[in-house]
């Protein structure tokens, strides 16, 4: 999952990238169907990459993109950027793996809580 060979950038990207539709308080607004419809473009953008995972930088994006994947049946996983950093450093705790898919849940890393 890591390394330049496994990175797939979305198109368009950077400042032209599409919003997921969950930010600005919309995730908690109560307008779920409208939110999912606004996020359809982001879901299609992610699906076009063919990637197994989408890396999200914030909580709202993570929650919205995860729900988009389930709602539209795409099947890609969503992982926080900080989770990948913690996983690579060997400091991701067992309780922080709950939303990961099985291929990342089983990554065996050292964690101080389990070493005691």
N, C-alpha and C. Protein backbone atom coordinates (compact mmCIF):
# COMPACT_ATOMS: atom_id res chain seq x y z
N UNK A 1 0.81 -1.20 0.00
CA UNK A 1 0.00 0.00 0.00
C UNK A 1 0.85 1.26 0.00
N UNK A 2 2.06 1.16 0.46
CA UNK A 2 2.89 2.35 0.50
C UNK A 2 3.86 2.35 -0.67
N UNK A 3 4.43 3.50 -0.92
CA UNK A 3 5.42 3.62 -1.97
C UNK A 3 4.86 4.30 -3.21
N UNK A 4 5.77 4.91 -3.94
CA UNK A 4 5.40 5.66 -5.14
C UNK A 4 4.68 4.79 -6.16
N UNK A 5 5.04 3.52 -6.25
CA UNK A 5 4.41 2.63 -7.23
C UNK A 5 2.95 2.37 -6.93
N UNK A 6 2.54 2.56 -5.67
CA UNK A 6 1.16 2.26 -5.27
C UNK A 6 0.30 3.50 -5.12
N UNK A 7 0.82 4.67 -5.43
CA UNK A 7 0.06 5.90 -5.30
C UNK A 7 -0.64 6.22 -6.62
N UNK A 8 -1.94 6.47 -6.54
CA UNK A 8 -2.72 6.86 -7.71
C UNK A 8 -3.34 8.20 -7.40
N UNK A 9 -2.95 9.22 -8.14
CA UNK A 9 -3.51 10.55 -7.92
C UNK A 9 -4.83 10.68 -8.65
N UNK A 10 -5.76 11.42 -8.05
CA UNK A 10 -7.05 11.66 -8.69
C UNK A 10 -6.92 12.77 -9.73
N UNK A 11 -7.78 12.75 -10.69
CA UNK A 11 -7.85 13.80 -11.70
C UNK A 11 -9.25 14.38 -11.70
N UNK A 12 -9.42 15.67 -11.63
CA UNK A 12 -8.39 16.68 -11.41
C UNK A 12 -7.87 16.60 -9.99
N UNK A 13 -6.72 17.22 -9.75
CA UNK A 13 -6.11 17.14 -8.43
C UNK A 13 -5.70 18.52 -7.93
N UNK A 14 -5.07 18.51 -6.79
CA UNK A 14 -4.61 19.72 -6.11
C UNK A 14 -5.74 20.76 -5.98
N UNK A 15 -5.52 21.98 -6.39
CA UNK A 15 -6.53 23.03 -6.18
C UNK A 15 -7.76 22.84 -7.05
N UNK A 16 -7.71 21.94 -8.02
CA UNK A 16 -8.86 21.67 -8.87
C UNK A 16 -9.63 20.41 -8.46
N UNK A 17 -9.21 19.79 -7.36
CA UNK A 17 -9.84 18.57 -6.88
C UNK A 17 -11.29 18.84 -6.48
N UNK A 18 -12.12 17.80 -6.48
CA UNK A 18 -13.52 17.94 -6.11
C UNK A 18 -13.69 17.79 -4.60
N UNK A 19 -14.63 18.52 -4.05
CA UNK A 19 -14.99 18.41 -2.64
C UNK A 19 -15.78 17.13 -2.44
N UNK A 20 -15.66 16.53 -1.26
CA UNK A 20 -16.41 15.31 -0.97
C UNK A 20 -17.87 15.59 -0.65
N UNK A 21 -18.18 16.83 -0.26
CA UNK A 21 -19.55 17.19 0.06
C UNK A 21 -19.90 17.06 1.53
N UNK A 22 -18.94 16.75 2.38
CA UNK A 22 -19.24 16.58 3.80
C UNK A 22 -18.75 17.71 4.67
N UNK A 23 -18.02 18.64 4.12
CA UNK A 23 -17.43 19.71 4.92
C UNK A 23 -18.38 20.85 5.21
N UNK A 24 -17.86 21.82 5.92
CA UNK A 24 -18.64 23.02 6.23
C UNK A 24 -19.87 22.76 7.07
N UNK A 25 -19.86 21.69 7.84
CA UNK A 25 -21.01 21.35 8.68
C UNK A 25 -22.07 20.53 7.99
N UNK A 26 -21.90 20.27 6.69
CA UNK A 26 -22.92 19.53 5.95
C UNK A 26 -23.05 18.09 6.42
N UNK A 27 -21.95 17.53 6.94
CA UNK A 27 -21.99 16.15 7.43
C UNK A 27 -23.00 15.99 8.56
N UNK A 28 -23.13 17.03 9.37
CA UNK A 28 -24.04 16.98 10.53
C UNK A 28 -25.34 17.74 10.29
N UNK A 29 -25.61 18.16 9.08
CA UNK A 29 -26.75 19.04 8.80
C UNK A 29 -28.10 18.35 8.82
N UNK A 30 -28.12 17.04 8.65
CA UNK A 30 -29.39 16.33 8.61
C UNK A 30 -29.93 16.13 7.21
N UNK A 31 -29.29 16.66 6.21
CA UNK A 31 -29.72 16.52 4.81
C UNK A 31 -28.92 15.40 4.13
N UNK A 32 -29.09 14.19 4.63
CA UNK A 32 -28.27 13.07 4.18
C UNK A 32 -28.38 12.82 2.68
N UNK A 33 -29.55 12.74 2.15
CA UNK A 33 -29.71 12.42 0.72
C UNK A 33 -29.07 13.49 -0.17
N UNK A 34 -29.25 14.75 0.20
CA UNK A 34 -28.63 15.84 -0.57
C UNK A 34 -27.10 15.75 -0.46
N UNK A 35 -26.59 15.46 0.74
CA UNK A 35 -25.15 15.34 0.97
C UNK A 35 -24.57 14.22 0.12
N UNK A 36 -25.25 13.09 0.07
CA UNK A 36 -24.76 11.96 -0.73
C UNK A 36 -24.82 12.28 -2.22
N UNK A 37 -25.83 13.02 -2.63
CA UNK A 37 -25.91 13.41 -4.04
C UNK A 37 -24.79 14.39 -4.39
N UNK A 38 -24.51 15.34 -3.51
CA UNK A 38 -23.41 16.28 -3.75
C UNK A 38 -22.08 15.53 -3.83
N UNK A 39 -21.95 14.46 -3.04
CA UNK A 39 -20.71 13.70 -3.00
C UNK A 39 -20.55 12.71 -4.15
N UNK A 40 -21.58 12.55 -4.97
CA UNK A 40 -21.52 11.57 -6.08
C UNK A 40 -20.32 11.84 -7.01
N UNK A 41 -20.03 13.09 -7.29
CA UNK A 41 -18.92 13.43 -8.17
C UNK A 41 -17.59 12.97 -7.57
N UNK A 42 -17.42 13.16 -6.26
CA UNK A 42 -16.20 12.72 -5.58
C UNK A 42 -16.10 11.20 -5.62
N UNK A 43 -17.20 10.52 -5.39
CA UNK A 43 -17.21 9.06 -5.44
C UNK A 43 -16.80 8.57 -6.83
N UNK A 44 -17.35 9.17 -7.86
CA UNK A 44 -16.98 8.78 -9.23
C UNK A 44 -15.51 9.07 -9.50
N UNK A 45 -15.01 10.18 -8.98
CA UNK A 45 -13.61 10.51 -9.15
C UNK A 45 -12.72 9.45 -8.51
N UNK A 46 -13.07 9.03 -7.31
CA UNK A 46 -12.29 8.00 -6.61
C UNK A 46 -12.39 6.67 -7.34
N UNK A 47 -13.60 6.29 -7.74
CA UNK A 47 -13.78 5.02 -8.44
C UNK A 47 -12.97 4.97 -9.74
N UNK A 48 -12.85 6.10 -10.43
CA UNK A 48 -12.11 6.15 -11.69
C UNK A 48 -10.65 5.76 -11.51
N UNK A 49 -10.09 6.00 -10.32
CA UNK A 49 -8.68 5.66 -10.08
C UNK A 49 -8.47 4.15 -10.02
N UNK A 50 -9.50 3.41 -9.60
CA UNK A 50 -9.35 1.97 -9.42
C UNK A 50 -8.59 1.61 -8.15
N UNK A 51 -8.35 2.59 -7.29
CA UNK A 51 -7.59 2.36 -6.06
C UNK A 51 -8.40 1.57 -5.05
N UNK A 52 -7.70 0.81 -4.22
CA UNK A 52 -8.33 0.05 -3.15
C UNK A 52 -8.69 0.92 -1.95
N UNK A 53 -7.94 2.01 -1.77
CA UNK A 53 -8.13 2.91 -0.64
C UNK A 53 -8.13 4.35 -1.11
N UNK A 54 -8.83 5.18 -0.36
CA UNK A 54 -8.76 6.63 -0.50
C UNK A 54 -8.20 7.13 0.83
N UNK A 55 -7.20 7.98 0.77
CA UNK A 55 -6.62 8.56 1.98
C UNK A 55 -7.28 9.92 2.23
N UNK A 56 -7.84 10.07 3.42
CA UNK A 56 -8.53 11.31 3.78
C UNK A 56 -7.73 12.06 4.83
N UNK A 57 -7.68 13.37 4.68
CA UNK A 57 -6.91 14.20 5.59
C UNK A 57 -7.69 14.72 6.79
N UNK A 58 -9.01 14.71 6.73
CA UNK A 58 -9.79 15.23 7.86
C UNK A 58 -10.94 14.28 8.20
N UNK A 59 -11.50 14.48 9.38
CA UNK A 59 -12.57 13.60 9.86
C UNK A 59 -13.82 13.69 8.99
N UNK A 60 -14.22 14.90 8.62
CA UNK A 60 -15.42 15.05 7.80
C UNK A 60 -15.26 14.33 6.46
N UNK A 61 -14.12 14.53 5.82
CA UNK A 61 -13.87 13.84 4.54
C UNK A 61 -13.89 12.32 4.74
N UNK A 62 -13.25 11.86 5.81
CA UNK A 62 -13.20 10.42 6.05
C UNK A 62 -14.61 9.85 6.20
N UNK A 63 -15.42 10.47 7.04
CA UNK A 63 -16.78 9.98 7.28
C UNK A 63 -17.63 10.04 6.00
N UNK A 64 -17.55 11.15 5.28
CA UNK A 64 -18.34 11.31 4.06
C UNK A 64 -17.89 10.32 2.98
N UNK A 65 -16.60 10.21 2.74
CA UNK A 65 -16.11 9.32 1.68
C UNK A 65 -16.40 7.86 2.01
N UNK A 66 -16.28 7.50 3.29
CA UNK A 66 -16.63 6.14 3.71
C UNK A 66 -18.10 5.85 3.40
N UNK A 67 -18.96 6.81 3.74
CA UNK A 67 -20.39 6.63 3.47
C UNK A 67 -20.68 6.61 1.97
N UNK A 68 -19.97 7.42 1.19
CA UNK A 68 -20.14 7.42 -0.26
C UNK A 68 -19.79 6.05 -0.83
N UNK A 69 -18.69 5.47 -0.38
CA UNK A 69 -18.27 4.15 -0.87
C UNK A 69 -19.33 3.09 -0.59
N UNK A 70 -19.91 3.14 0.60
CA UNK A 70 -20.97 2.18 0.93
C UNK A 70 -22.25 2.47 0.15
N UNK A 71 -22.64 3.74 0.10
CA UNK A 71 -23.90 4.13 -0.53
C UNK A 71 -23.92 3.79 -2.02
N UNK A 72 -22.83 4.06 -2.71
CA UNK A 72 -22.76 3.83 -4.15
C UNK A 72 -22.15 2.47 -4.51
N UNK A 73 -21.85 1.66 -3.48
CA UNK A 73 -21.37 0.30 -3.70
C UNK A 73 -19.99 0.18 -4.31
N UNK A 74 -19.16 1.18 -4.10
CA UNK A 74 -17.83 1.18 -4.73
C UNK A 74 -16.87 0.18 -4.10
N UNK A 75 -16.91 0.04 -2.79
CA UNK A 75 -16.08 -0.96 -2.14
C UNK A 75 -14.66 -0.55 -1.82
N UNK A 76 -14.28 0.69 -2.08
CA UNK A 76 -12.93 1.11 -1.70
C UNK A 76 -12.93 1.45 -0.21
N UNK A 77 -11.79 1.28 0.41
CA UNK A 77 -11.65 1.63 1.81
C UNK A 77 -11.23 3.07 1.95
N UNK A 78 -11.42 3.63 3.14
CA UNK A 78 -11.01 4.99 3.43
C UNK A 78 -10.17 4.95 4.69
N UNK A 79 -9.04 5.62 4.67
CA UNK A 79 -8.15 5.62 5.82
C UNK A 79 -7.65 7.04 6.05
N UNK A 80 -7.54 7.42 7.32
CA UNK A 80 -6.99 8.72 7.68
C UNK A 80 -5.50 8.76 7.37
N UNK A 81 -5.01 9.89 6.96
CA UNK A 81 -3.58 10.08 6.75
C UNK A 81 -2.80 9.81 8.03
N UNK A 82 -3.32 10.30 9.16
CA UNK A 82 -2.63 10.09 10.43
C UNK A 82 -2.57 8.61 10.80
N UNK A 83 -3.56 7.83 10.38
CA UNK A 83 -3.56 6.40 10.66
C UNK A 83 -2.41 5.72 9.93
N UNK A 84 -2.18 6.11 8.67
CA UNK A 84 -1.06 5.53 7.93
C UNK A 84 0.28 5.91 8.55
N UNK A 85 0.37 7.14 9.02
CA UNK A 85 1.61 7.57 9.67
C UNK A 85 1.84 6.77 10.94
N UNK A 86 0.80 6.64 11.77
CA UNK A 86 0.92 5.87 13.01
C UNK A 86 1.21 4.40 12.74
N UNK A 87 0.58 3.84 11.72
CA UNK A 87 0.81 2.45 11.36
C UNK A 87 2.27 2.25 10.95
N UNK A 88 2.81 3.17 10.17
CA UNK A 88 4.19 3.05 9.71
C UNK A 88 5.18 3.21 10.86
N UNK A 89 4.80 3.97 11.89
CA UNK A 89 5.67 4.17 13.04
C UNK A 89 5.50 3.08 14.10
N UNK A 90 4.52 2.22 13.91
CA UNK A 90 4.28 1.15 14.88
C UNK A 90 3.59 1.61 16.13
N UNK A 91 2.81 2.69 16.05
CA UNK A 91 2.17 3.22 17.26
C UNK A 91 0.65 3.27 17.14
N UNK A 92 0.09 2.52 16.21
CA UNK A 92 -1.37 2.50 16.07
C UNK A 92 -1.94 1.47 17.04
N UNK A 93 -2.74 1.95 17.97
CA UNK A 93 -3.30 1.07 18.99
C UNK A 93 -4.41 0.18 18.48
N UNK A 94 -4.68 -0.92 19.19
CA UNK A 94 -5.73 -1.86 18.78
C UNK A 94 -7.10 -1.22 18.62
N UNK A 95 -7.44 -0.27 19.51
CA UNK A 95 -8.75 0.37 19.43
C UNK A 95 -8.83 1.36 18.27
N UNK A 96 -7.71 1.68 17.64
CA UNK A 96 -7.69 2.62 16.53
C UNK A 96 -7.77 1.90 15.18
N UNK A 97 -8.06 0.61 15.19
CA UNK A 97 -8.11 -0.19 13.98
C UNK A 97 -9.54 -0.58 13.61
N UNK A 98 -10.52 -0.13 14.36
CA UNK A 98 -11.89 -0.60 14.21
C UNK A 98 -12.47 -0.37 12.82
N UNK A 99 -12.17 0.75 12.20
CA UNK A 99 -12.76 1.03 10.90
C UNK A 99 -11.89 0.59 9.73
N UNK A 100 -10.72 0.03 10.01
CA UNK A 100 -9.85 -0.43 8.93
C UNK A 100 -10.37 -1.73 8.33
N UNK A 101 -10.07 -1.95 7.07
CA UNK A 101 -10.42 -3.22 6.44
C UNK A 101 -9.44 -4.28 6.92
N UNK A 102 -9.78 -5.54 6.72
CA UNK A 102 -8.99 -6.64 7.26
C UNK A 102 -7.53 -6.62 6.84
N UNK A 103 -7.22 -6.17 5.63
CA UNK A 103 -5.83 -6.19 5.19
C UNK A 103 -4.94 -5.25 6.01
N UNK A 104 -5.49 -4.18 6.55
CA UNK A 104 -4.71 -3.29 7.41
C UNK A 104 -4.88 -3.61 8.88
N UNK A 105 -6.01 -4.18 9.26
CA UNK A 105 -6.21 -4.55 10.67
C UNK A 105 -5.16 -5.55 11.13
N UNK A 106 -4.75 -6.40 10.22
CA UNK A 106 -3.85 -7.49 10.58
C UNK A 106 -2.38 -7.12 10.49
N UNK A 107 -2.05 -5.88 10.13
CA UNK A 107 -0.65 -5.48 10.08
C UNK A 107 -0.10 -5.56 11.49
N UNK A 108 0.93 -6.37 11.68
CA UNK A 108 1.47 -6.62 13.01
C UNK A 108 2.53 -5.59 13.33
N UNK A 109 2.20 -4.68 14.24
CA UNK A 109 3.14 -3.67 14.65
C UNK A 109 3.25 -3.68 16.18
N UNK A 110 4.35 -3.14 16.64
CA UNK A 110 4.56 -3.02 18.09
C UNK A 110 3.72 -1.88 18.63
N UNK A 111 3.11 -2.09 19.76
CA UNK A 111 2.40 -1.02 20.45
C UNK A 111 2.69 -1.13 21.93
N UNK A 112 3.10 -0.03 22.57
CA UNK A 112 3.46 -0.09 23.99
C UNK A 112 2.40 -0.66 24.90
N UNK A 113 1.11 -0.41 24.60
CA UNK A 113 0.03 -0.94 25.46
C UNK A 113 0.01 -2.46 25.47
N UNK A 114 0.34 -3.08 24.32
CA UNK A 114 0.29 -4.54 24.25
C UNK A 114 1.58 -5.18 24.74
N UNK A 115 2.63 -4.39 24.94
CA UNK A 115 3.92 -4.95 25.37
C UNK A 115 4.00 -5.13 26.86
N UNK A 116 3.06 -4.57 27.60
CA UNK A 116 3.11 -4.63 29.07
C UNK A 116 2.60 -5.94 29.57
